[in-house]
Protein backbone atom coordinates (compact mmCIF):
# COMPACT_ATOMS: atom_id res chain seq x y z
CA MET A 1 -34.21 1.99 -5.38
CA GLU A 2 -31.41 1.03 -2.99
CA ASN A 3 -28.82 3.44 -1.63
CA VAL A 4 -25.15 2.86 -2.43
CA VAL A 5 -21.77 4.19 -1.37
CA LEU A 6 -18.76 4.70 -3.62
CA GLY A 7 -15.32 3.42 -2.64
CA ILE A 8 -12.69 5.30 -4.67
CA ASP A 9 -9.21 3.77 -4.77
CA LEU A 10 -6.62 6.22 -6.09
CA GLY A 11 -3.74 3.98 -7.15
CA THR A 12 -0.59 4.69 -9.13
CA SER A 13 -1.69 3.10 -12.39
CA SER A 14 -5.45 3.67 -12.19
CA VAL A 15 -8.44 4.95 -10.26
CA LYS A 16 -10.86 2.16 -9.35
CA ILE A 17 -14.37 2.93 -8.07
CA ILE A 18 -16.88 0.44 -6.67
CA ALA A 19 -20.53 1.03 -5.81
CA ALA A 20 -21.71 -1.08 -2.85
CA ASN A 21 -25.16 -1.39 -1.28
CA LYS A 22 -26.03 -1.80 2.42
CA GLN A 23 -25.50 -5.55 2.18
CA GLY A 24 -21.92 -5.03 0.97
CA HIS A 25 -22.73 -6.30 -2.53
CA ILE A 26 -20.93 -4.66 -5.45
CA ILE A 27 -23.52 -3.13 -7.78
CA ASP A 28 -21.02 -1.92 -10.37
CA GLN A 29 -17.45 -0.70 -10.73
CA SER A 30 -15.29 1.38 -13.04
CA SER A 31 -11.59 1.89 -13.70
CA VAL A 32 -9.74 4.77 -15.35
CA PRO A 33 -5.99 4.55 -16.15
CA LEU A 34 -3.39 7.03 -14.92
CA THR A 35 -0.11 8.10 -16.49
CA LEU A 36 3.26 8.13 -14.73
CA ILE A 37 5.71 10.99 -15.38
CA GLN A 38 9.40 9.96 -15.18
CA PRO A 39 11.58 12.97 -16.19
CA TYR A 40 14.81 11.41 -14.86
CA PRO A 41 15.91 7.97 -13.58
CA GLY A 42 14.46 7.41 -10.12
CA TYR A 43 11.91 10.24 -10.53
CA ASN A 44 8.23 9.26 -10.40
CA GLU A 45 5.60 11.98 -10.59
CA GLN A 46 1.95 12.55 -11.51
CA ASP A 47 -0.12 15.62 -12.30
CA PRO A 48 -2.66 15.95 -9.43
CA GLU A 49 -5.28 17.23 -11.86
CA ASP A 50 -5.09 13.90 -13.68
CA TRP A 51 -6.35 12.20 -10.51
CA VAL A 52 -9.31 14.56 -10.30
CA ILE A 53 -10.16 14.05 -13.97
CA ALA A 54 -9.96 10.26 -13.57
CA VAL A 55 -12.21 10.25 -10.48
CA LYS A 56 -14.81 12.39 -12.26
CA GLU A 57 -14.64 10.12 -15.31
CA GLY A 58 -15.02 7.01 -13.15
CA ILE A 59 -18.11 8.44 -11.44
CA LYS A 60 -19.63 9.44 -14.80
CA ILE A 61 -19.08 5.91 -16.14
CA LEU A 62 -21.06 4.47 -13.23
CA ILE A 63 -24.01 6.84 -13.31
CA ASN A 64 -24.38 6.57 -17.08
CA ARG A 65 -24.87 2.82 -16.93
CA GLU A 66 -28.20 1.06 -16.41
CA THR A 67 -27.05 -0.64 -13.18
CA MET A 68 -27.53 2.48 -11.04
CA ASN A 69 -28.18 6.22 -11.11
CA ASP A 70 -26.77 9.22 -9.27
CA LYS A 71 -29.75 9.53 -6.89
CA GLN A 72 -28.73 6.24 -5.29
CA ILE A 73 -25.32 7.55 -4.16
CA SER A 74 -25.52 8.51 -0.47
CA GLY A 75 -21.82 8.99 0.17
CA LEU A 76 -18.28 8.22 -0.90
CA SER A 77 -14.82 7.82 0.56
CA PHE A 78 -11.29 7.19 -0.58
CA SER A 79 -8.33 4.87 -0.45
CA GLY A 80 -5.12 6.43 -1.67
CA GLN A 81 -1.54 5.73 -2.68
CA MET A 82 0.58 6.74 0.30
CA HIS A 83 3.46 9.19 0.86
CA GLY A 84 3.08 11.27 -2.32
CA LEU A 85 3.84 14.97 -1.85
CA VAL A 86 1.23 17.40 -3.22
CA PRO A 87 2.49 20.93 -2.43
CA LEU A 88 -0.17 23.68 -2.60
CA ASP A 89 0.27 27.45 -2.79
CA HIS A 90 -1.81 30.11 -0.96
CA ALA A 91 -4.60 29.70 -3.51
CA TYR A 92 -4.56 25.95 -2.77
CA GLN A 93 -3.32 25.16 -6.27
CA PRO A 94 -0.55 22.58 -6.95
CA ILE A 95 2.85 24.23 -7.21
CA ARG A 96 4.35 21.35 -9.20
CA ASN A 97 3.69 17.72 -10.07
CA ALA A 98 3.20 15.37 -7.13
CA ILE A 99 6.29 13.39 -6.10
CA LEU A 100 5.16 9.79 -5.61
CA TRP A 101 5.79 6.99 -3.11
CA ASN A 102 8.13 5.14 -5.50
CA ASP A 103 10.34 8.17 -6.21
CA THR A 104 13.92 7.64 -5.02
CA ARG A 105 15.51 11.08 -5.52
CA THR A 106 15.72 11.81 -1.77
CA SER A 107 18.64 9.62 -0.58
CA LYS A 108 20.69 12.70 0.39
CA GLN A 109 17.76 14.12 2.38
CA CYS A 110 17.25 10.79 4.17
CA GLU A 111 20.88 10.86 5.30
CA GLU A 112 20.45 14.41 6.55
CA ILE A 113 17.37 13.43 8.56
CA LYS A 114 19.21 10.41 9.99
CA SER A 115 22.09 12.66 11.07
CA LYS A 116 19.63 14.59 13.25
CA PHE A 117 17.32 11.85 14.51
CA GLY A 118 19.04 8.47 14.06
CA ASN A 119 17.88 5.63 11.82
CA THR A 120 14.24 5.79 12.93
CA LEU A 121 11.86 8.69 13.47
CA LEU A 122 8.47 8.54 15.21
CA LYS A 123 8.63 4.71 15.24
CA ASN A 124 9.39 4.46 11.51
CA PRO A 125 12.46 3.96 9.31
CA ILE A 126 13.68 6.96 7.33
CA LEU A 127 13.23 5.97 3.70
CA GLU A 128 13.17 7.71 0.32
CA GLY A 129 9.52 6.88 -0.25
CA PHE A 130 8.17 8.83 2.72
CA THR A 131 6.87 12.41 2.53
CA LEU A 132 9.26 14.22 4.88
CA PRO A 133 12.38 13.65 2.72
CA LYS A 134 10.38 14.92 -0.28
CA LEU A 135 9.55 18.15 1.57
CA LEU A 136 13.21 18.61 2.41
CA TRP A 137 14.17 17.94 -1.22
CA LEU A 138 11.69 20.56 -2.39
CA LYS A 139 13.09 23.08 0.10
CA GLN A 140 16.69 22.46 -0.98
CA ASN A 141 16.27 21.99 -4.73
CA GLU A 142 13.31 24.14 -5.75
CA PRO A 143 13.49 27.24 -3.49
CA LYS A 144 11.10 29.19 -5.70
CA HIS A 145 8.47 26.51 -5.27
CA TRP A 146 9.23 26.24 -1.56
CA ARG A 147 8.56 29.94 -1.04
CA GLN A 148 5.11 29.45 -2.60
CA LEU A 149 4.20 26.55 -0.29
CA LYS A 150 1.17 27.06 1.97
CA VAL A 151 0.21 23.49 2.86
CA PHE A 152 1.04 19.96 1.74
CA LEU A 153 -1.44 17.17 1.08
CA LEU A 154 -1.30 13.52 0.10
CA PRO A 155 -2.83 12.29 -3.18
CA LYS A 156 -6.33 11.26 -2.12
CA ASP A 157 -6.61 14.31 0.16
CA TYR A 158 -6.08 16.58 -2.82
CA VAL A 159 -8.85 14.86 -4.79
CA ARG A 160 -11.15 15.11 -1.78
CA TYR A 161 -10.37 18.83 -1.50
CA LYS A 162 -11.26 19.34 -5.16
CA LEU A 163 -14.61 17.59 -4.65
CA THR A 164 -15.56 19.37 -1.40
CA GLY A 165 -13.50 22.57 -1.18
CA ASN A 166 -12.22 21.51 2.29
CA ILE A 167 -8.57 20.90 3.24
CA SER A 168 -7.73 18.04 5.64
CA MET A 169 -5.65 14.89 6.04
CA GLU A 170 -6.60 11.75 7.94
CA TYR A 171 -4.44 9.80 10.39
CA SER A 172 -3.71 6.57 8.49
CA ASP A 173 -2.16 8.45 5.56
CA ALA A 174 -0.55 11.12 7.75
CA ALA A 175 1.29 8.32 9.57
CA GLY A 176 3.31 7.73 6.40
CA THR A 177 4.72 11.26 6.28
CA LEU A 178 7.31 10.83 9.10
CA LEU A 179 5.71 13.86 10.75
CA LEU A 180 2.80 12.34 12.72
CA ASN A 181 3.49 11.54 16.38
CA PRO A 182 1.73 8.22 17.15
CA ASN A 183 1.64 8.99 20.87
CA THR A 184 -0.04 12.40 20.64
CA ASN A 185 -2.04 11.81 17.42
CA ASP A 186 -0.85 15.19 16.21
CA TRP A 187 1.79 16.68 13.97
CA ASP A 188 5.23 16.60 15.56
CA ARG A 189 6.07 20.23 14.85
CA ALA A 190 9.35 19.93 16.74
CA VAL A 191 10.61 17.56 14.05
CA GLY A 192 9.50 19.93 11.31
CA ASN A 193 11.03 22.91 13.09
CA GLN A 194 14.43 21.21 13.27
CA LEU A 195 14.32 20.90 9.48
CA GLY A 196 12.98 24.41 8.89
CA LEU A 197 9.62 23.35 7.46
CA GLY A 198 7.44 26.05 8.99
CA ASP A 199 3.66 25.85 9.46
CA ILE A 200 2.61 23.81 6.42
CA TYR A 201 0.39 21.19 8.09
CA PRO A 202 -3.25 20.45 7.17
CA PRO A 203 -5.90 19.76 9.86
CA LEU A 204 -6.16 16.11 10.92
CA VAL A 205 -9.38 14.05 10.93
CA GLN A 206 -10.45 10.45 11.48
CA SER A 207 -10.74 8.14 8.47
CA HIS A 208 -14.52 7.87 8.84
CA SER A 209 -14.99 11.61 9.50
CA TYR A 210 -17.51 13.56 7.44
CA VAL A 211 -15.57 16.30 5.61
CA GLY A 212 -18.27 17.89 3.45
CA HIS A 213 -20.56 17.32 0.48
CA ILE A 214 -19.68 17.38 -3.20
CA THR A 215 -19.77 21.03 -4.27
CA GLU A 216 -22.52 22.45 -6.45
CA ASP A 217 -20.00 23.13 -9.25
CA ILE A 218 -18.87 19.49 -9.33
CA LYS A 219 -22.47 18.28 -9.16
CA LYS A 220 -23.36 20.46 -12.12
CA GLU A 221 -20.32 19.25 -14.08
CA LEU A 222 -21.16 15.58 -13.47
CA ASN A 223 -24.96 16.00 -13.71
CA LEU A 224 -25.41 14.84 -10.13
CA THR A 225 -28.78 15.68 -8.63
CA GLY A 226 -28.52 14.26 -5.10
CA ASP A 227 -26.50 15.41 -2.11
CA ILE A 228 -23.47 13.15 -1.70
CA ALA A 229 -21.64 13.14 1.65
CA VAL A 230 -17.86 12.77 1.53
CA PHE A 231 -15.79 10.99 4.20
CA ALA A 232 -12.05 11.30 4.73
CA GLY A 233 -10.88 7.80 3.71
CA GLY A 234 -7.62 6.01 4.41
CA ALA A 235 -4.20 4.99 3.17
CA ASP A 236 -4.26 2.16 0.64
CA ASN A 237 -2.80 -0.45 2.99
CA ALA A 238 -5.10 0.58 5.85
CA CYS A 239 -8.12 0.39 3.53
CA GLY A 240 -6.86 -2.91 2.13
CA ALA A 241 -6.80 -4.29 5.67
CA LEU A 242 -10.22 -2.83 6.48
CA GLY A 243 -11.65 -4.17 3.22
CA SER A 244 -10.31 -7.63 4.15
CA GLY A 245 -11.76 -7.64 7.66
CA VAL A 246 -8.34 -7.24 9.32
CA ILE A 247 -9.36 -4.82 12.07
CA ASP A 248 -8.73 -6.49 15.45
CA GLU A 249 -5.71 -6.96 17.69
CA GLY A 250 -3.34 -9.57 16.25
CA GLN A 251 -5.16 -10.00 12.93
CA THR A 252 -2.68 -10.12 10.06
CA LEU A 253 -2.87 -9.45 6.34
CA CYS A 254 -0.67 -10.68 3.49
CA SER A 255 -1.18 -8.62 0.35
CA ILE A 256 0.66 -9.52 -2.84
CA GLY A 257 0.28 -6.91 -5.55
CA THR A 258 3.05 -5.15 -7.44
CA SER A 259 4.64 -4.78 -4.03
CA GLY A 260 3.93 -7.10 -1.11
CA VAL A 261 2.80 -6.30 2.42
CA ILE A 262 2.61 -8.07 5.76
CA LEU A 263 0.39 -6.03 8.08
CA SER A 264 -0.46 -6.92 11.68
CA CYS A 265 -2.97 -4.96 13.80
CA THR A 266 -2.16 -3.66 17.27
CA GLN A 267 -3.81 -1.30 19.76
CA SER A 268 -0.57 -0.39 21.52
CA ASN A 269 2.10 2.12 20.57
CA GLU A 270 4.96 -0.32 20.85
CA ASP A 271 8.67 0.39 20.70
CA ASP A 272 10.35 0.65 17.33
CA TYR A 273 10.38 -2.71 15.57
CA GLY A 274 13.55 -1.93 13.66
CA TYR A 275 14.48 -3.76 10.46
CA ASN A 276 12.51 -1.25 8.39
CA ILE A 277 9.17 -2.40 9.69
CA HIS A 278 6.69 0.49 9.59
CA PHE A 279 4.31 1.53 12.35
CA PHE A 280 1.21 3.33 11.03
CA LYS A 281 -2.29 4.29 12.11
CA HIS A 282 -5.13 2.08 10.88
CA ALA A 283 -8.28 3.41 9.21
CA MET A 284 -10.03 1.51 12.02
CA PRO A 285 -10.55 3.83 15.00
CA ASN A 286 -8.07 3.35 17.88
CA MET A 287 -6.02 0.80 15.97
CA SER A 288 -2.50 0.83 14.52
CA TYR A 289 -0.51 -1.72 12.58
CA ALA A 290 3.04 -2.92 12.06
CA MET A 291 3.89 -3.45 8.40
CA GLY A 292 6.72 -4.96 6.39
CA VAL A 293 7.06 -4.27 2.67
CA THR A 294 8.54 -6.26 -0.21
CA LEU A 295 9.04 -3.80 -3.07
CA SER A 296 8.99 -6.33 -5.92
CA ALA A 297 6.48 -9.03 -5.04
CA GLY A 298 4.02 -9.46 -7.91
CA HIS A 299 6.40 -7.29 -9.93
CA SER A 300 8.97 -10.11 -9.77
CA LEU A 301 6.49 -12.60 -11.17
CA ASN A 302 5.46 -10.15 -13.87
CA TRP A 303 9.16 -9.61 -14.72
CA LEU A 304 9.63 -13.38 -15.03
CA LYS A 305 6.62 -13.63 -17.34
CA GLU A 306 7.57 -10.70 -19.58
CA THR A 307 11.23 -11.73 -19.78
CA PHE A 308 11.02 -15.51 -20.21
CA PHE A 309 7.38 -16.59 -20.55
CA LYS A 310 5.68 -14.00 -22.74
CA GLN A 311 3.37 -16.56 -24.30
CA LYS A 312 2.29 -18.08 -20.98
CA SER A 313 -0.40 -16.88 -18.60
CA PHE A 314 0.26 -16.40 -14.88
CA ASP A 315 -1.79 -19.54 -14.20
CA GLU A 316 0.46 -21.51 -16.57
CA ILE A 317 3.58 -20.19 -14.81
CA LEU A 318 2.16 -21.17 -11.43
CA ASN A 319 1.31 -24.59 -12.84
CA LEU A 320 4.93 -24.93 -13.98
CA ALA A 321 6.01 -24.19 -10.42
CA THR A 322 3.94 -27.09 -9.06
CA LYS A 323 6.10 -29.49 -11.12
CA SER A 324 9.24 -28.48 -9.24
CA ALA A 325 9.99 -29.54 -5.66
CA ILE A 326 10.29 -27.48 -2.47
CA GLY A 327 13.52 -25.53 -2.81
CA ALA A 328 13.23 -25.52 -6.62
CA ASN A 329 15.99 -28.14 -6.90
CA GLY A 330 18.50 -25.95 -5.12
CA LEU A 331 17.59 -22.63 -6.79
CA LEU A 332 16.97 -19.49 -4.73
CA PHE A 333 15.65 -16.13 -5.90
CA ALA A 334 16.12 -12.81 -4.09
CA PRO A 335 13.35 -10.43 -5.31
CA TYR A 336 15.37 -7.22 -5.10
CA LEU A 337 14.54 -5.97 -8.59
CA GLN A 338 13.94 -2.42 -7.39
CA GLY A 339 15.89 -2.49 -4.13
CA GLU A 340 14.24 -3.69 -0.94
CA ARG A 341 12.27 -2.11 1.91
CA THR A 342 11.97 -4.70 4.72
CA PRO A 343 14.24 -5.60 6.36
CA HIS A 344 17.15 -4.00 4.52
CA GLY A 345 15.96 -0.52 3.50
CA ASP A 346 18.38 -0.61 0.56
CA ALA A 347 17.42 1.20 -2.66
CA TYR A 348 20.53 -0.09 -4.45
CA ILE A 349 20.52 -3.84 -3.83
CA ARG A 350 19.50 -5.89 -6.89
CA GLY A 351 17.95 -9.30 -7.37
CA SER A 352 19.68 -12.58 -8.05
CA PHE A 353 19.20 -16.29 -8.73
CA ILE A 354 21.56 -18.49 -6.70
CA GLY A 355 22.17 -22.15 -7.48
CA ILE A 356 21.66 -22.41 -11.23
CA ASN A 357 23.07 -25.62 -12.71
CA SER A 358 22.84 -27.45 -16.02
CA ASN A 359 19.71 -29.29 -14.86
CA THR A 360 17.82 -26.18 -13.74
CA SER A 361 14.48 -26.11 -15.57
CA GLU A 362 11.84 -23.53 -16.35
CA GLU A 363 9.74 -25.22 -13.66
CA ASP A 364 12.53 -24.51 -11.15
CA PHE A 365 12.81 -20.86 -12.19
CA SER A 366 9.05 -20.47 -11.79
CA ARG A 367 8.99 -22.06 -8.35
CA ALA A 368 12.12 -20.26 -7.13
CA THR A 369 10.59 -16.90 -8.06
CA ILE A 370 7.38 -17.60 -6.15
CA GLU A 371 9.29 -19.00 -3.18
CA GLY A 372 11.63 -15.99 -3.13
CA ILE A 373 8.71 -13.55 -3.01
CA THR A 374 7.17 -15.55 -0.17
CA TYR A 375 10.47 -15.78 1.74
CA SER A 376 10.79 -12.00 1.55
CA LEU A 377 7.32 -11.60 3.08
CA TYR A 378 8.12 -14.24 5.69
CA GLU A 379 11.11 -12.19 6.80
CA SER A 380 8.72 -9.48 7.99
CA ILE A 381 6.73 -12.08 9.94
CA VAL A 382 9.92 -13.40 11.57
CA TYR A 383 10.87 -9.93 12.83
CA MET A 384 7.35 -9.16 14.04
CA ARG A 385 7.21 -12.43 15.94
CA ALA A 386 10.56 -11.63 17.47
CA ARG A 387 9.00 -8.42 18.86
CA GLY A 388 6.21 -10.44 20.47
CA ARG A 389 3.56 -10.36 17.73
CA GLN A 390 1.51 -13.58 17.69
CA ILE A 391 0.83 -14.38 14.06
CA ASP A 392 -1.08 -17.65 13.72
CA GLU A 393 -3.76 -16.72 11.18
CA ILE A 394 -3.35 -14.58 8.07
CA ILE A 395 -5.83 -13.20 5.54
CA SER A 396 -4.24 -13.29 2.07
CA ILE A 397 -5.30 -10.96 -0.75
CA GLY A 398 -3.96 -9.92 -4.15
CA GLY A 399 -2.33 -12.08 -6.78
CA GLY A 400 -0.98 -14.54 -4.22
CA ALA A 401 -4.53 -15.31 -3.06
CA LYS A 402 -5.84 -16.32 -6.48
CA ASN A 403 -4.03 -19.66 -6.63
CA SER A 404 -4.42 -22.57 -4.21
CA PHE A 405 -0.82 -23.72 -4.73
CA TRP A 406 0.57 -20.33 -3.71
CA LEU A 407 -1.86 -20.06 -0.77
CA GLN A 408 -0.68 -23.44 0.56
CA MET A 409 2.94 -22.34 0.06
CA GLN A 410 2.23 -19.23 2.14
CA ALA A 411 0.72 -21.35 4.90
CA ASP A 412 3.71 -23.73 4.87
CA ILE A 413 6.41 -21.03 4.79
CA PHE A 414 4.66 -18.69 7.26
CA ASN A 415 3.69 -21.60 9.55
CA ALA A 416 0.23 -20.07 9.95
CA LYS A 417 -3.30 -20.70 8.76
CA VAL A 418 -3.81 -18.68 5.58
CA THR A 419 -7.32 -17.73 4.46
CA ALA A 420 -8.56 -16.19 1.23
CA LEU A 421 -11.68 -14.05 0.90
CA LYS A 422 -14.72 -15.26 -1.01
CA TYR A 423 -14.99 -11.90 -2.76
CA GLU A 424 -12.02 -9.55 -2.83
CA GLU A 425 -12.17 -5.87 -3.73
CA GLY A 426 -9.18 -4.66 -1.69
CA PRO A 427 -8.72 -0.99 -0.77
CA SER A 428 -11.79 0.21 -2.67
CA MET A 429 -13.94 -1.99 -0.42
CA GLY A 430 -12.32 -0.47 2.66
CA ALA A 431 -13.10 2.99 1.30
CA ALA A 432 -16.74 2.02 0.71
CA MET A 433 -16.96 0.67 4.25
CA LEU A 434 -15.68 3.98 5.67
CA ALA A 435 -18.47 5.78 3.81
CA ALA A 436 -21.08 3.25 4.98
CA TYR A 437 -19.97 3.58 8.61
CA GLY A 438 -19.68 7.36 8.33
CA LEU A 439 -23.27 7.56 7.05
CA GLY A 440 -24.48 5.66 10.12
CA TRP A 441 -25.55 2.56 8.22
CA PHE A 442 -23.87 0.51 10.94
CA GLU A 443 -23.46 1.07 14.68
CA SER A 444 -19.81 -0.02 14.57
CA MET A 445 -17.10 -0.81 12.08
CA GLU A 446 -17.21 -4.39 13.34
CA ASP A 447 -20.87 -4.63 12.29
CA CYS A 448 -19.97 -3.19 8.89
CA THR A 449 -17.17 -5.76 8.50
CA ASP A 450 -19.50 -8.63 9.41
CA THR A 451 -21.84 -7.56 6.62
CA PHE A 452 -19.35 -6.58 3.90
CA ILE A 453 -16.67 -9.30 4.24
CA GLU A 454 -17.10 -13.02 3.42
CA ILE A 455 -14.36 -15.48 4.32
CA GLY A 456 -13.34 -18.12 1.77
CA THR A 457 -11.10 -21.21 1.85
CA SER A 458 -8.42 -21.69 4.54
CA TYR A 459 -5.09 -23.50 4.22
CA LYS A 460 -3.37 -25.04 7.23
CA PRO A 461 0.44 -25.30 7.41
CA ASN A 462 2.17 -28.62 6.81
CA LEU A 463 4.83 -28.75 9.55
CA ASP A 464 7.15 -31.05 7.59
CA ASN A 465 7.01 -28.70 4.62
CA HIS A 466 7.64 -25.73 6.89
CA LYS A 467 10.78 -27.33 8.31
CA LEU A 468 12.11 -28.00 4.81
CA TYR A 469 11.24 -24.51 3.58
CA ASN A 470 12.93 -23.08 6.66
CA GLN A 471 16.26 -24.67 5.70
CA TYR A 472 16.13 -22.88 2.36
CA PHE A 473 14.92 -19.70 4.04
CA GLU A 474 17.96 -19.54 6.30
CA ILE A 475 20.19 -19.71 3.21
CA TYR A 476 17.99 -17.13 1.46
CA ARG A 477 18.62 -14.69 4.35
CA LYS A 478 22.35 -14.80 3.63
CA ILE A 479 21.96 -13.67 0.01
CA TYR A 480 21.62 -9.97 0.83
CA LYS A 481 24.85 -9.76 2.82
CA GLN A 482 26.76 -11.81 0.25
CA THR A 483 25.58 -9.78 -2.77
CA LYS A 484 25.44 -6.24 -1.35
CA GLU A 485 29.04 -5.34 -2.19
CA ILE A 486 28.91 -7.12 -5.56
CA THR A 487 25.77 -5.16 -6.50
CA GLN A 488 27.33 -1.87 -5.47
CA ASN A 489 30.44 -2.61 -7.55
CA LEU A 490 28.26 -3.29 -10.58
CA LEU A 491 26.36 -0.04 -10.12
CA ASN A 492 29.58 1.93 -9.70
CA ILE A 493 30.78 0.86 -13.16
CA ASN A 494 27.84 2.70 -14.67
């Protein structure tokens, strides 16, 4: 009977759990859906207890199948949705629903923070999604709740607390709060003091740190008979990078899910990148990463499908795109369906198609949408390269890595070799690797990566295609400036 570790990925729409053995092979997996609470426009919340219930249910699904049993589970760790505020009272109970990463209620608080610190804070842009503006919103808008506040956690840290009884937060997730100092690896209490936050900070630990065992009460509830060690885990993007083998200086990840990410590893605490590029701690020890975010990457393709191609599969839409030419016959798409993060940091900009004519076809709309998503990601690469990052090879994961046409397009637009993984499990794999390393199965995280990650097909850039794409890209970059005022005027009518 082989030992396994569980990698638990706490997402926004579901909890996904994988069970992996010492060879990095997936024995089984489960998924439990989550519900979003949206009381007002721009508000996105979840009940923290729903996460705990879903994690317990996911574990029960696995141990009740014939593929494995609970005695095989040696340890577990987490990947978690970033930035979400989970405020706890003195009994360590949630005071209110968690305010999530995609909640945009904090524009006023962001402006207040900028008035004190400028446009960046602790090497990061000041954006609605981060945790610090949410804390300030809670203080200003729910004073009764604020007076009850003892400590704040992030989503996966709350679930981990409920399984172990121990309060902590690890560095890769803490980096997304706007309160972690990347130079000291500690909370920047001076920032919090200027905003009147008080002493509300949890202890900090490494991503692979042992933080306890599953409590006897939880074991009894789930009918677990073995002792299961729990390790801290990491932020979803950090675990996505780890679970893709992107752990060394200069290695770069392109992840296309609902949102899109360009992430490039670095060991140095460099100057601010600007242009709303984030600078966070990796789940890999002694490593950080620069990251650009496209808010509506796969979401744009899903919008296209649901709006115009309901009867077609994503593969059929991508096949349509192959029948159009580079530049989609003069059609450009700006994927600002929900605002944009990098480089503009604008929650109010909206998307657009530019260049529609009487000959524009459904093939052109399909290709323009995919090109627009990829141009948006390329913009992050351009700014990182301008700051001295050498980005020649990129690991691609997510929806954009499941199609050879799109992978070649990434290579051509990015002007870099783009490689897919043979088997892709994303953040849940990174979480499993943290547990495997924490248990001492491997002497180093590099050894763990060599065992768990298998590289697939690579795509080399076509220089002629890159030059042609680049002409369209330079026009694409003008769309934001040209449509910003128009968008604002439209929003003001409503």
